[in-house]
N, C-alpha and C. Protein backbone atom coordinates (compact mmCIF):
# COMPACT_ATOMS: atom_id res chain seq x y z
N UNK A 1 99.51 78.20 177.90
CA UNK A 1 98.11 78.63 178.06
C UNK A 1 97.52 79.09 176.73
N UNK A 2 98.31 79.78 175.91
CA UNK A 2 97.80 80.21 174.61
C UNK A 2 97.44 79.00 173.76
N UNK A 3 98.33 78.01 173.76
CA UNK A 3 98.08 76.79 172.98
C UNK A 3 96.85 76.07 173.52
N UNK A 4 96.73 75.99 174.84
CA UNK A 4 95.58 75.33 175.47
C UNK A 4 94.27 76.03 175.07
N UNK A 5 94.27 77.34 175.12
CA UNK A 5 93.06 78.08 174.77
C UNK A 5 92.66 77.84 173.32
N UNK A 6 93.62 77.95 172.41
CA UNK A 6 93.32 77.79 171.00
C UNK A 6 92.84 76.38 170.67
N UNK A 7 93.37 75.39 171.41
CA UNK A 7 93.01 74.00 171.12
C UNK A 7 91.75 73.55 171.84
N UNK A 8 91.46 74.14 173.00
CA UNK A 8 90.39 73.62 173.86
C UNK A 8 89.12 74.49 173.88
N UNK A 9 89.15 75.66 173.34
CA UNK A 9 87.98 76.55 173.43
C UNK A 9 86.81 75.97 172.64
N UNK A 10 85.62 76.31 173.13
CA UNK A 10 84.44 75.89 172.38
C UNK A 10 84.05 76.99 171.39
N UNK A 11 82.92 76.84 170.76
CA UNK A 11 82.51 77.80 169.73
C UNK A 11 82.26 79.21 170.30
N UNK A 12 82.07 79.29 171.62
CA UNK A 12 81.86 80.58 172.27
C UNK A 12 83.16 81.16 172.83
N UNK A 13 84.26 80.46 172.59
CA UNK A 13 85.55 80.91 173.13
C UNK A 13 85.70 80.64 174.60
N UNK A 14 84.99 79.63 175.12
CA UNK A 14 85.03 79.30 176.54
C UNK A 14 85.81 78.01 176.77
N UNK A 15 86.34 77.87 177.98
CA UNK A 15 87.07 76.66 178.38
C UNK A 15 86.32 75.94 179.49
N UNK A 16 86.53 74.66 179.60
CA UNK A 16 85.96 73.88 180.69
C UNK A 16 86.74 74.20 181.97
N UNK A 17 86.08 74.72 182.99
CA UNK A 17 86.75 75.20 184.21
C UNK A 17 87.52 74.09 184.92
N UNK A 18 86.90 72.94 185.09
CA UNK A 18 87.54 71.84 185.82
C UNK A 18 88.78 71.34 185.07
N UNK A 19 88.66 71.17 183.78
CA UNK A 19 89.78 70.71 182.97
C UNK A 19 90.92 71.72 183.00
N UNK A 20 90.57 73.00 182.93
CA UNK A 20 91.58 74.05 182.98
C UNK A 20 92.27 74.09 184.34
N UNK A 21 91.49 73.96 185.41
CA UNK A 21 92.06 73.99 186.75
C UNK A 21 93.07 72.85 186.94
N UNK A 22 92.70 71.65 186.53
CA UNK A 22 93.61 70.50 186.66
C UNK A 22 94.89 70.72 185.85
N UNK A 23 94.73 71.28 184.67
CA UNK A 23 95.88 71.55 183.81
C UNK A 23 96.81 72.58 184.45
N UNK A 24 96.22 73.65 184.99
CA UNK A 24 97.02 74.70 185.62
C UNK A 24 97.79 74.18 186.82
N UNK A 25 97.13 73.37 187.65
CA UNK A 25 97.82 72.78 188.81
C UNK A 25 98.99 71.92 188.36
N UNK A 26 98.76 71.12 187.35
CA UNK A 26 99.77 70.18 186.87
C UNK A 26 101.00 70.92 186.32
N UNK A 27 100.77 71.90 185.44
CA UNK A 27 101.91 72.59 184.85
C UNK A 27 102.59 73.51 185.86
N UNK A 28 101.82 74.06 186.81
CA UNK A 28 102.42 74.92 187.83
C UNK A 28 103.36 74.12 188.72
N UNK A 29 102.89 72.97 189.20
CA UNK A 29 103.74 72.12 190.03
C UNK A 29 104.99 71.69 189.29
N UNK A 30 104.82 71.31 188.04
CA UNK A 30 105.97 70.85 187.26
C UNK A 30 106.97 71.97 187.02
N UNK A 31 106.48 73.14 186.60
CA UNK A 31 107.39 74.25 186.29
C UNK A 31 108.14 74.71 187.53
N UNK A 32 107.45 74.78 188.67
CA UNK A 32 108.14 75.16 189.92
C UNK A 32 109.29 74.20 190.21
N UNK A 33 108.98 72.91 190.25
CA UNK A 33 109.99 71.92 190.63
C UNK A 33 111.09 71.81 189.59
N UNK A 34 110.72 71.83 188.33
CA UNK A 34 111.71 71.71 187.26
C UNK A 34 112.64 72.92 187.24
N UNK A 35 112.08 74.10 187.50
CA UNK A 35 112.89 75.32 187.52
C UNK A 35 113.86 75.31 188.70
N UNK A 36 113.48 74.66 189.78
CA UNK A 36 114.38 74.56 190.92
C UNK A 36 115.56 73.65 190.59
N UNK A 37 115.30 72.56 189.88
CA UNK A 37 116.37 71.63 189.52
C UNK A 37 117.21 72.15 188.35
N UNK A 38 116.56 72.80 187.39
CA UNK A 38 117.24 73.27 186.18
C UNK A 38 116.83 74.72 185.90
N UNK A 39 117.47 75.67 186.57
CA UNK A 39 117.09 77.08 186.40
C UNK A 39 117.25 77.56 184.96
N UNK A 40 116.40 78.48 184.58
CA UNK A 40 116.50 79.08 183.25
C UNK A 40 115.38 78.64 182.33
N UNK A 41 114.90 79.59 181.53
CA UNK A 41 113.80 79.32 180.61
C UNK A 41 114.20 78.28 179.57
N UNK A 42 115.43 78.32 179.11
CA UNK A 42 115.87 77.40 178.06
C UNK A 42 115.73 75.95 178.48
N UNK A 43 115.95 75.67 179.75
CA UNK A 43 115.87 74.29 180.23
C UNK A 43 114.45 73.73 180.11
N UNK A 44 113.46 74.62 180.15
CA UNK A 44 112.06 74.17 180.08
C UNK A 44 111.63 73.76 178.67
N UNK A 45 112.38 74.16 177.68
CA UNK A 45 111.97 73.87 176.31
C UNK A 45 111.88 72.37 176.05
N UNK A 46 112.80 71.61 176.63
CA UNK A 46 112.80 70.17 176.42
C UNK A 46 111.47 69.50 176.75
N UNK A 47 110.96 69.65 177.98
CA UNK A 47 109.69 69.02 178.32
C UNK A 47 108.46 69.77 177.81
N UNK A 48 108.57 71.08 177.60
CA UNK A 48 107.39 71.86 177.25
C UNK A 48 106.99 71.70 175.79
N UNK A 49 107.93 71.68 174.87
CA UNK A 49 107.57 71.58 173.45
C UNK A 49 106.77 70.32 173.13
N UNK A 50 107.16 69.13 173.63
CA UNK A 50 106.31 67.95 173.40
C UNK A 50 104.92 68.10 174.01
N UNK A 51 104.83 68.83 175.14
CA UNK A 51 103.52 69.04 175.77
C UNK A 51 102.62 69.89 174.89
N UNK A 52 103.21 70.85 174.17
CA UNK A 52 102.42 71.68 173.25
C UNK A 52 101.83 70.81 172.14
N UNK A 53 102.62 69.87 171.66
CA UNK A 53 102.13 68.96 170.61
C UNK A 53 101.00 68.09 171.17
N UNK A 54 101.16 67.61 172.40
CA UNK A 54 100.10 66.81 173.03
C UNK A 54 98.79 67.58 173.09
N UNK A 55 98.87 68.86 173.46
CA UNK A 55 97.66 69.68 173.57
C UNK A 55 96.98 69.80 172.20
N UNK A 56 97.76 70.14 171.19
CA UNK A 56 97.21 70.35 169.85
C UNK A 56 96.59 69.07 169.30
N UNK A 57 97.21 67.93 169.60
CA UNK A 57 96.72 66.66 169.06
C UNK A 57 95.72 65.97 169.98
N UNK A 58 95.30 66.67 171.03
CA UNK A 58 94.22 66.17 171.87
C UNK A 58 94.61 65.16 172.91
N UNK A 59 95.91 65.03 173.18
CA UNK A 59 96.36 64.09 174.21
C UNK A 59 96.55 64.82 175.54
N UNK A 60 96.52 64.06 176.63
CA UNK A 60 96.73 64.63 177.95
C UNK A 60 98.20 65.01 178.12
N UNK A 61 98.43 66.19 178.66
CA UNK A 61 99.81 66.62 178.92
C UNK A 61 100.41 65.69 179.96
N UNK A 62 101.58 65.15 179.64
CA UNK A 62 102.17 64.11 180.48
C UNK A 62 103.67 64.36 180.64
N UNK A 63 104.08 64.65 181.88
CA UNK A 63 105.50 64.85 182.15
C UNK A 63 106.12 63.63 182.84
N UNK A 64 105.58 62.45 182.56
CA UNK A 64 106.04 61.24 183.23
C UNK A 64 107.50 60.91 182.93
N UNK A 65 108.04 61.46 181.84
CA UNK A 65 109.45 61.23 181.52
C UNK A 65 110.37 62.15 182.33
N UNK A 66 109.77 63.04 183.11
CA UNK A 66 110.57 64.01 183.87
C UNK A 66 110.13 64.05 185.34
N UNK A 67 109.80 62.90 185.89
CA UNK A 67 109.35 62.86 187.28
C UNK A 67 110.49 63.18 188.24
N UNK A 68 110.12 63.64 189.43
CA UNK A 68 111.10 64.07 190.43
C UNK A 68 111.25 63.01 191.51
N UNK A 69 112.47 62.89 191.99
CA UNK A 69 112.73 62.02 193.14
C UNK A 69 112.40 62.78 194.42
N UNK A 70 111.61 62.16 195.29
CA UNK A 70 111.15 62.84 196.49
C UNK A 70 112.30 63.38 197.34
N UNK A 71 113.28 62.55 197.63
CA UNK A 71 114.37 62.98 198.51
C UNK A 71 115.23 64.05 197.85
N UNK A 72 115.45 63.91 196.55
CA UNK A 72 116.29 64.87 195.84
C UNK A 72 115.64 66.25 195.79
N UNK A 73 114.35 66.30 195.41
CA UNK A 73 113.69 67.60 195.30
C UNK A 73 113.50 68.24 196.67
N UNK A 74 113.27 67.41 197.70
CA UNK A 74 113.17 67.94 199.06
C UNK A 74 114.49 68.54 199.50
N UNK A 75 115.58 67.86 199.18
CA UNK A 75 116.92 68.35 199.53
C UNK A 75 117.24 69.66 198.83
N UNK A 76 116.81 69.77 197.58
CA UNK A 76 117.07 71.02 196.85
C UNK A 76 116.32 72.19 197.48
N UNK A 77 115.11 71.93 197.92
CA UNK A 77 114.35 72.99 198.59
C UNK A 77 115.03 73.39 199.90
N UNK A 78 115.51 72.42 200.64
CA UNK A 78 116.14 72.72 201.93
C UNK A 78 117.43 73.51 201.77
N UNK A 79 118.14 73.30 200.69
CA UNK A 79 119.43 73.98 200.48
C UNK A 79 119.31 75.26 199.67
N UNK A 80 118.12 75.51 199.10
CA UNK A 80 117.95 76.69 198.25
C UNK A 80 117.96 77.96 199.08
N UNK A 81 118.61 78.98 198.55
CA UNK A 81 118.66 80.28 199.24
C UNK A 81 117.50 81.14 198.77
N UNK A 82 116.48 81.26 199.60
CA UNK A 82 115.28 82.00 199.23
C UNK A 82 115.47 83.50 199.51
N UNK A 83 116.33 84.12 198.71
CA UNK A 83 116.57 85.55 198.86
C UNK A 83 115.41 86.35 198.28
N UNK A 84 115.26 87.57 198.74
CA UNK A 84 114.16 88.41 198.27
C UNK A 84 114.28 88.76 196.79
N UNK A 85 115.50 88.74 196.26
CA UNK A 85 115.72 89.14 194.88
C UNK A 85 115.29 88.05 193.88
N UNK A 86 115.13 86.84 194.34
CA UNK A 86 114.77 85.75 193.45
C UNK A 86 113.26 85.67 193.26
N UNK A 87 112.83 85.62 192.01
CA UNK A 87 111.40 85.55 191.73
C UNK A 87 110.80 84.26 192.30
N UNK A 88 111.62 83.23 192.34
CA UNK A 88 111.15 81.95 192.85
C UNK A 88 110.66 82.08 194.30
N UNK A 89 111.31 82.94 195.07
CA UNK A 89 110.92 83.15 196.46
C UNK A 89 109.50 83.70 196.54
N UNK A 90 109.23 84.73 195.77
CA UNK A 90 107.90 85.33 195.77
C UNK A 90 106.84 84.33 195.29
N UNK A 91 107.19 83.58 194.25
CA UNK A 91 106.25 82.59 193.72
C UNK A 91 105.88 81.56 194.77
N UNK A 92 106.88 81.07 195.48
CA UNK A 92 106.62 80.05 196.50
C UNK A 92 105.77 80.61 197.63
N UNK A 93 106.01 81.84 198.01
CA UNK A 93 105.25 82.45 199.11
C UNK A 93 103.79 82.69 198.71
N UNK A 94 103.57 83.06 197.46
CA UNK A 94 102.19 83.22 196.98
C UNK A 94 101.51 81.86 196.92
N UNK A 95 102.24 80.86 196.39
CA UNK A 95 101.68 79.50 196.34
C UNK A 95 101.30 79.04 197.75
N UNK A 96 102.17 79.28 198.70
CA UNK A 96 101.92 78.83 200.08
C UNK A 96 100.69 79.51 200.66
N UNK A 97 100.56 80.81 200.44
CA UNK A 97 99.39 81.53 200.96
C UNK A 97 98.11 80.94 200.41
N UNK A 98 98.11 80.63 199.12
CA UNK A 98 96.89 80.13 198.49
C UNK A 98 96.75 78.62 198.55
N UNK A 99 97.69 77.95 199.21
CA UNK A 99 97.48 76.52 199.49
C UNK A 99 96.45 76.35 200.60
N UNK A 100 96.17 77.44 201.30
CA UNK A 100 95.09 77.47 202.28
C UNK A 100 93.78 77.71 201.54
N UNK A 101 92.87 76.73 201.52
CA UNK A 101 91.62 76.89 200.77
C UNK A 101 90.75 78.03 201.27
N UNK A 102 91.00 78.51 202.50
CA UNK A 102 90.21 79.61 203.04
C UNK A 102 90.83 80.98 202.75
N UNK A 103 91.99 80.98 202.10
CA UNK A 103 92.62 82.26 201.79
C UNK A 103 91.81 82.99 200.72
N UNK A 104 91.30 84.20 201.03
CA UNK A 104 90.51 84.93 200.03
C UNK A 104 91.38 85.47 198.90
N UNK A 105 90.79 85.60 197.74
CA UNK A 105 91.48 86.21 196.61
C UNK A 105 91.65 87.71 196.87
N UNK A 106 92.81 88.22 196.50
CA UNK A 106 93.06 89.66 196.63
C UNK A 106 92.78 90.35 195.31
N UNK A 107 92.55 91.64 195.37
CA UNK A 107 92.36 92.42 194.16
C UNK A 107 93.61 92.34 193.29
N UNK A 108 93.43 92.34 191.98
CA UNK A 108 94.56 92.19 191.06
C UNK A 108 95.54 93.35 191.15
N UNK A 109 95.09 94.50 191.61
CA UNK A 109 95.99 95.65 191.70
C UNK A 109 96.69 95.75 193.06
N UNK A 110 96.55 94.71 193.88
CA UNK A 110 97.21 94.70 195.19
C UNK A 110 98.71 94.55 195.02
N UNK A 111 99.48 95.44 195.62
CA UNK A 111 100.94 95.36 195.59
C UNK A 111 101.42 94.56 196.79
N UNK A 112 102.12 93.46 196.52
CA UNK A 112 102.60 92.59 197.59
C UNK A 112 104.11 92.72 197.74
N UNK A 113 104.57 92.66 198.97
CA UNK A 113 105.99 92.68 199.26
C UNK A 113 106.31 91.53 200.20
N UNK A 114 107.59 91.19 200.28
CA UNK A 114 108.01 90.11 201.17
C UNK A 114 108.16 90.65 202.59
N UNK A 115 107.48 90.00 203.50
CA UNK A 115 107.51 90.37 204.91
C UNK A 115 108.37 89.39 205.69
N UNK A 116 109.27 89.91 206.52
CA UNK A 116 110.01 89.08 207.47
C UNK A 116 109.18 89.01 208.75
N UNK A 117 108.67 87.85 209.08
CA UNK A 117 107.84 87.72 210.27
C UNK A 117 108.67 88.01 211.51
N UNK A 118 109.85 87.39 211.60
CA UNK A 118 110.83 87.76 212.62
C UNK A 118 111.63 88.90 211.99
N UNK A 119 111.31 90.12 212.40
CA UNK A 119 111.80 91.31 211.70
C UNK A 119 113.32 91.45 211.75
N UNK A 120 113.86 92.09 210.72
CA UNK A 120 115.31 92.32 210.68
C UNK A 120 115.77 93.19 211.84
N UNK A 121 114.97 94.20 212.17
CA UNK A 121 115.33 95.06 213.31
C UNK A 121 115.32 94.27 214.61
N UNK A 122 114.37 93.36 214.73
CA UNK A 122 114.31 92.51 215.92
C UNK A 122 115.57 91.65 216.00
N UNK A 123 116.03 91.18 214.85
CA UNK A 123 117.22 90.33 214.83
C UNK A 123 118.47 91.09 215.25
N UNK A 124 118.48 92.40 215.01
CA UNK A 124 119.64 93.20 215.44
C UNK A 124 119.73 93.26 216.96
N UNK A 125 118.58 93.26 217.60
CA UNK A 125 118.54 93.33 219.07
C UNK A 125 118.62 91.94 219.69
N UNK A 126 117.89 91.00 219.09
CA UNK A 126 117.88 89.62 219.57
C UNK A 126 118.25 88.70 218.41
N UNK A 127 119.56 88.56 218.14
CA UNK A 127 120.00 87.80 216.98
C UNK A 127 119.58 86.32 217.05
N UNK A 128 119.21 85.77 215.91
CA UNK A 128 118.90 84.35 215.81
C UNK A 128 120.19 83.56 215.94
N UNK A 129 120.12 82.39 216.54
CA UNK A 129 121.34 81.58 216.72
C UNK A 129 121.87 81.09 215.38
N UNK A 130 120.97 80.83 214.44
CA UNK A 130 121.36 80.45 213.08
C UNK A 130 121.03 81.63 212.17
N UNK A 131 122.04 82.34 211.73
CA UNK A 131 121.84 83.58 210.96
C UNK A 131 121.03 83.34 209.69
N UNK A 132 121.16 82.16 209.09
CA UNK A 132 120.46 81.89 207.84
C UNK A 132 118.94 81.81 208.02
N UNK A 133 118.49 81.61 209.25
CA UNK A 133 117.05 81.53 209.49
C UNK A 133 116.32 82.84 209.23
N UNK A 134 117.05 83.95 209.30
CA UNK A 134 116.41 85.24 209.05
C UNK A 134 115.87 85.30 207.63
N UNK A 135 116.61 84.72 206.67
CA UNK A 135 116.19 84.74 205.28
C UNK A 135 115.57 83.41 204.85
N UNK A 136 115.27 82.55 205.79
CA UNK A 136 114.67 81.26 205.46
C UNK A 136 113.24 81.45 204.95
N UNK A 137 112.79 80.51 204.17
CA UNK A 137 111.43 80.58 203.63
C UNK A 137 110.40 80.64 204.75
N UNK A 138 110.66 79.96 205.84
CA UNK A 138 109.73 79.93 206.95
C UNK A 138 109.61 81.23 207.70
N UNK A 139 110.50 82.19 207.42
CA UNK A 139 110.41 83.50 208.07
C UNK A 139 109.81 84.55 207.15
N UNK A 140 109.31 84.11 206.00
CA UNK A 140 108.82 85.08 205.02
C UNK A 140 107.38 84.80 204.63
N UNK A 141 106.70 85.87 204.25
CA UNK A 141 105.33 85.76 203.75
C UNK A 141 105.09 86.95 202.84
N UNK A 142 104.12 86.82 201.95
CA UNK A 142 103.71 87.95 201.14
C UNK A 142 102.75 88.81 201.96
N UNK A 143 102.93 90.10 201.88
CA UNK A 143 102.11 91.03 202.65
C UNK A 143 101.85 92.28 201.81
N UNK A 144 100.64 92.80 201.90
CA UNK A 144 100.31 94.02 201.16
C UNK A 144 101.29 95.14 201.53
N UNK A 145 101.72 95.89 200.55
CA UNK A 145 102.70 96.95 200.76
C UNK A 145 102.22 97.96 201.78
N UNK A 146 100.95 98.29 201.74
CA UNK A 146 100.41 99.31 202.65
C UNK A 146 100.53 98.87 204.11
N UNK A 147 100.50 97.55 204.36
CA UNK A 147 100.64 97.02 205.72
C UNK A 147 102.11 96.86 206.06
N UNK A 148 102.89 96.41 205.08
CA UNK A 148 104.30 96.13 205.31
C UNK A 148 105.07 97.37 205.72
N UNK A 149 104.70 98.51 205.16
CA UNK A 149 105.37 99.78 205.49
C UNK A 149 105.28 100.05 206.99
N UNK A 150 104.16 99.72 207.58
CA UNK A 150 103.95 100.01 209.01
C UNK A 150 104.52 98.91 209.90
N UNK A 151 104.44 97.67 209.45
CA UNK A 151 104.71 96.54 210.33
C UNK A 151 106.14 96.02 210.27
N UNK A 152 106.93 96.45 209.30
CA UNK A 152 108.19 95.78 208.98
C UNK A 152 109.20 95.69 210.12
N UNK A 153 109.26 96.68 210.99
CA UNK A 153 110.33 96.71 211.99
C UNK A 153 109.88 96.36 213.41
N UNK A 154 108.68 95.87 213.56
CA UNK A 154 108.14 95.65 214.90
C UNK A 154 108.29 94.22 215.39
N UNK A 155 108.23 94.08 216.73
CA UNK A 155 108.09 92.76 217.34
C UNK A 155 106.75 92.18 216.93
N UNK A 156 106.62 90.86 216.96
CA UNK A 156 105.38 90.25 216.52
C UNK A 156 104.19 90.74 217.35
N UNK A 157 104.39 90.92 218.65
CA UNK A 157 103.30 91.39 219.49
C UNK A 157 102.81 92.77 219.05
N UNK A 158 103.73 93.59 218.53
CA UNK A 158 103.36 94.92 218.03
C UNK A 158 102.78 94.85 216.63
N UNK A 159 103.21 93.85 215.87
CA UNK A 159 102.71 93.71 214.49
C UNK A 159 101.25 93.29 214.47
N UNK A 160 100.80 92.68 215.55
CA UNK A 160 99.46 92.11 215.53
C UNK A 160 98.41 93.12 215.11
N UNK A 161 98.48 94.33 215.62
CA UNK A 161 97.43 95.30 215.29
C UNK A 161 97.48 95.68 213.81
N UNK A 162 98.70 95.68 213.23
CA UNK A 162 98.81 96.01 211.81
C UNK A 162 98.29 94.86 210.95
N UNK A 163 98.55 93.62 211.38
CA UNK A 163 98.05 92.46 210.66
C UNK A 163 96.52 92.38 210.75
N UNK A 164 95.99 92.65 211.95
CA UNK A 164 94.54 92.49 212.16
C UNK A 164 93.75 93.73 211.74
N UNK A 165 94.40 94.89 211.77
CA UNK A 165 93.69 96.14 211.54
C UNK A 165 93.40 96.82 212.87
N UNK A 166 93.22 98.11 212.84
CA UNK A 166 93.03 98.86 214.09
C UNK A 166 92.36 100.20 213.78
N UNK A 167 91.98 100.91 214.83
CA UNK A 167 91.43 102.26 214.71
C UNK A 167 92.50 103.23 215.18
N UNK A 168 92.87 104.17 214.32
CA UNK A 168 93.96 105.09 214.69
C UNK A 168 93.47 106.20 215.62
N UNK A 169 94.39 107.10 215.99
CA UNK A 169 94.07 108.12 216.98
C UNK A 169 93.07 109.17 216.47
N UNK A 170 92.77 109.11 215.16
CA UNK A 170 91.76 110.00 214.59
C UNK A 170 90.41 109.31 214.44
N UNK A 171 90.34 108.09 214.96
CA UNK A 171 89.09 107.34 214.89
C UNK A 171 88.82 106.69 213.55
N UNK A 172 89.86 106.65 212.72
CA UNK A 172 89.71 106.05 211.38
C UNK A 172 90.14 104.58 211.44
N UNK A 173 89.30 103.71 210.88
CA UNK A 173 89.62 102.28 210.86
C UNK A 173 90.65 101.99 209.77
N UNK A 174 91.75 101.38 210.18
CA UNK A 174 92.82 101.01 209.25
C UNK A 174 92.76 99.50 209.05
N UNK A 175 92.53 99.07 207.83
CA UNK A 175 92.35 97.64 207.57
C UNK A 175 93.68 96.90 207.68
N UNK A 176 93.60 95.63 208.06
CA UNK A 176 94.78 94.79 208.19
C UNK A 176 95.07 94.03 206.91
N UNK A 177 95.77 92.92 207.05
CA UNK A 177 96.14 92.12 205.89
C UNK A 177 95.06 91.10 205.55
N UNK A 178 95.02 90.73 204.28
CA UNK A 178 94.10 89.67 203.85
C UNK A 178 94.77 88.30 203.92
N UNK A 179 96.03 88.27 204.31
CA UNK A 179 96.77 87.00 204.40
C UNK A 179 96.41 86.33 205.73
N UNK A 180 95.61 85.28 205.65
CA UNK A 180 95.06 84.64 206.85
C UNK A 180 96.15 84.12 207.78
N UNK A 181 97.17 83.52 207.21
CA UNK A 181 98.20 82.90 208.05
C UNK A 181 98.89 83.92 208.94
N UNK A 182 99.15 85.12 208.44
CA UNK A 182 99.83 86.13 209.24
C UNK A 182 98.99 86.55 210.44
N UNK A 183 97.69 86.66 210.25
CA UNK A 183 96.81 86.99 211.36
C UNK A 183 96.83 85.88 212.40
N UNK A 184 96.81 84.63 211.94
CA UNK A 184 96.83 83.49 212.86
C UNK A 184 98.15 83.43 213.62
N UNK A 185 99.27 83.69 212.93
CA UNK A 185 100.57 83.68 213.58
C UNK A 185 100.64 84.77 214.65
N UNK A 186 100.16 85.96 214.32
CA UNK A 186 100.21 87.08 215.27
C UNK A 186 99.41 86.78 216.53
N UNK A 187 98.32 86.07 216.39
CA UNK A 187 97.46 85.75 217.53
C UNK A 187 98.09 84.70 218.45
N UNK A 188 99.15 84.05 217.97
CA UNK A 188 99.84 83.05 218.81
C UNK A 188 100.71 83.72 219.87
N UNK A 189 101.01 85.00 219.70
CA UNK A 189 101.74 85.74 220.72
C UNK A 189 103.20 85.94 220.44
N UNK A 190 103.85 84.98 219.79
CA UNK A 190 105.27 85.13 219.50
C UNK A 190 105.62 84.26 218.30
N UNK A 191 106.75 84.56 217.71
CA UNK A 191 107.27 83.80 216.58
C UNK A 191 108.76 83.68 216.78
N UNK A 192 109.18 82.52 217.31
CA UNK A 192 110.57 82.31 217.69
C UNK A 192 111.33 81.58 216.58
N UNK A 193 112.63 81.37 216.83
CA UNK A 193 113.46 80.70 215.82
C UNK A 193 112.97 79.30 215.51
N UNK A 194 112.50 78.61 216.52
CA UNK A 194 111.98 77.26 216.31
C UNK A 194 110.74 77.29 215.41
N UNK A 195 109.97 78.36 215.49
CA UNK A 195 108.79 78.51 214.63
C UNK A 195 109.20 78.72 213.17
N UNK A 196 110.29 79.45 212.96
CA UNK A 196 110.81 79.64 211.60
C UNK A 196 111.18 78.29 211.00
N UNK A 197 111.92 77.50 211.77
CA UNK A 197 112.38 76.20 211.27
C UNK A 197 111.22 75.25 211.01
N UNK A 198 110.25 75.26 211.92
CA UNK A 198 109.08 74.39 211.75
C UNK A 198 108.27 74.80 210.53
N UNK A 199 108.08 76.09 210.37
CA UNK A 199 107.29 76.58 209.23
C UNK A 199 108.00 76.32 207.91
N UNK A 200 109.32 76.49 207.89
CA UNK A 200 110.09 76.20 206.67
C UNK A 200 109.88 74.76 206.24
N UNK A 201 110.01 73.85 207.20
CA UNK A 201 109.84 72.42 206.88
C UNK A 201 108.41 72.13 206.45
N UNK A 202 107.44 72.78 207.06
CA UNK A 202 106.04 72.55 206.70
C UNK A 202 105.75 73.00 205.27
N UNK A 203 106.29 74.15 204.88
CA UNK A 203 106.09 74.64 203.52
C UNK A 203 106.68 73.67 202.50
N UNK A 204 107.92 73.26 202.76
CA UNK A 204 108.60 72.35 201.82
C UNK A 204 107.88 71.01 201.75
N UNK A 205 107.54 70.46 202.89
CA UNK A 205 106.86 69.16 202.92
C UNK A 205 105.51 69.22 202.21
N UNK A 206 104.77 70.30 202.45
CA UNK A 206 103.46 70.45 201.81
C UNK A 206 103.59 70.55 200.30
N UNK A 207 104.60 71.27 199.84
CA UNK A 207 104.80 71.41 198.40
C UNK A 207 105.17 70.07 197.76
N UNK A 208 106.07 69.35 198.40
CA UNK A 208 106.49 68.05 197.85
C UNK A 208 105.32 67.07 197.84
N UNK A 209 104.52 67.09 198.90
CA UNK A 209 103.33 66.24 198.93
C UNK A 209 102.36 66.61 197.81
N UNK A 210 102.27 67.90 197.52
CA UNK A 210 101.42 68.36 196.42
C UNK A 210 101.91 67.81 195.08
N UNK A 211 103.24 67.81 194.90
CA UNK A 211 103.79 67.21 193.68
C UNK A 211 103.40 65.76 193.55
N UNK A 212 103.39 65.04 194.70
CA UNK A 212 102.98 63.65 194.69
C UNK A 212 101.54 63.48 194.27
N UNK A 213 100.67 64.34 194.78
CA UNK A 213 99.25 64.27 194.43
C UNK A 213 99.02 64.56 192.94
N UNK A 214 99.90 65.37 192.36
CA UNK A 214 99.80 65.69 190.94
C UNK A 214 100.37 64.58 190.05
N UNK A 215 100.99 63.60 190.68
CA UNK A 215 101.62 62.52 189.91
C UNK A 215 102.96 62.87 189.33
N UNK A 216 103.68 63.78 190.00
CA UNK A 216 104.96 64.26 189.48
C UNK A 216 106.16 63.70 190.23
N UNK A 217 105.93 62.78 191.18
CA UNK A 217 107.01 62.13 191.90
C UNK A 217 107.15 60.67 191.48
N UNK A 218 108.39 60.20 191.47
CA UNK A 218 108.61 58.78 191.20
C UNK A 218 108.14 57.96 192.39
N UNK A 219 107.51 56.85 192.11
CA UNK A 219 107.06 55.97 193.19
C UNK A 219 108.24 55.21 193.78
């Protein structure tokens, strides 16, 4: 981004919004997928350094020498362990939330935490048949910390009021989450193991399709 700004700014220090947006989408998709296949910052130096030269010399950034195979990258996503400690997990959940064009932007000072839609406490009482589904990508979402503190241990039917917002016993309105998908899920009434599996596959499929639209998949 620093190289892009220095090379592309006009005399007023401004960038073309459309050109910048396309560039950000392209490098974001590439870095996500490449980091999944080859973890570590050092691995990115190979494709990124030539891209810096392309920017400086006025050429379009092109990762065509590092395209991804659809089946291989999909398989890596399916086998990846999306633990809470991995930054990649948070990144994917934020990307997924904002893949919805109607998702509103949150304030920059908003603290987000990982929410288990099928709560861990719920799993202790009603265990999932596949234990790995509790930590699956499809069971997680980013949620504002102020909401997560209240909603973390409840059944989905009980979480609904925290997701949507409510008026407490003192008559004070407590705002819900700005994450649209969580409100929509809560209004469905329940979130079962099959929903976790379906949502996991939907997230992965949507991301891989996005890579295709960016021109990052081999034909």
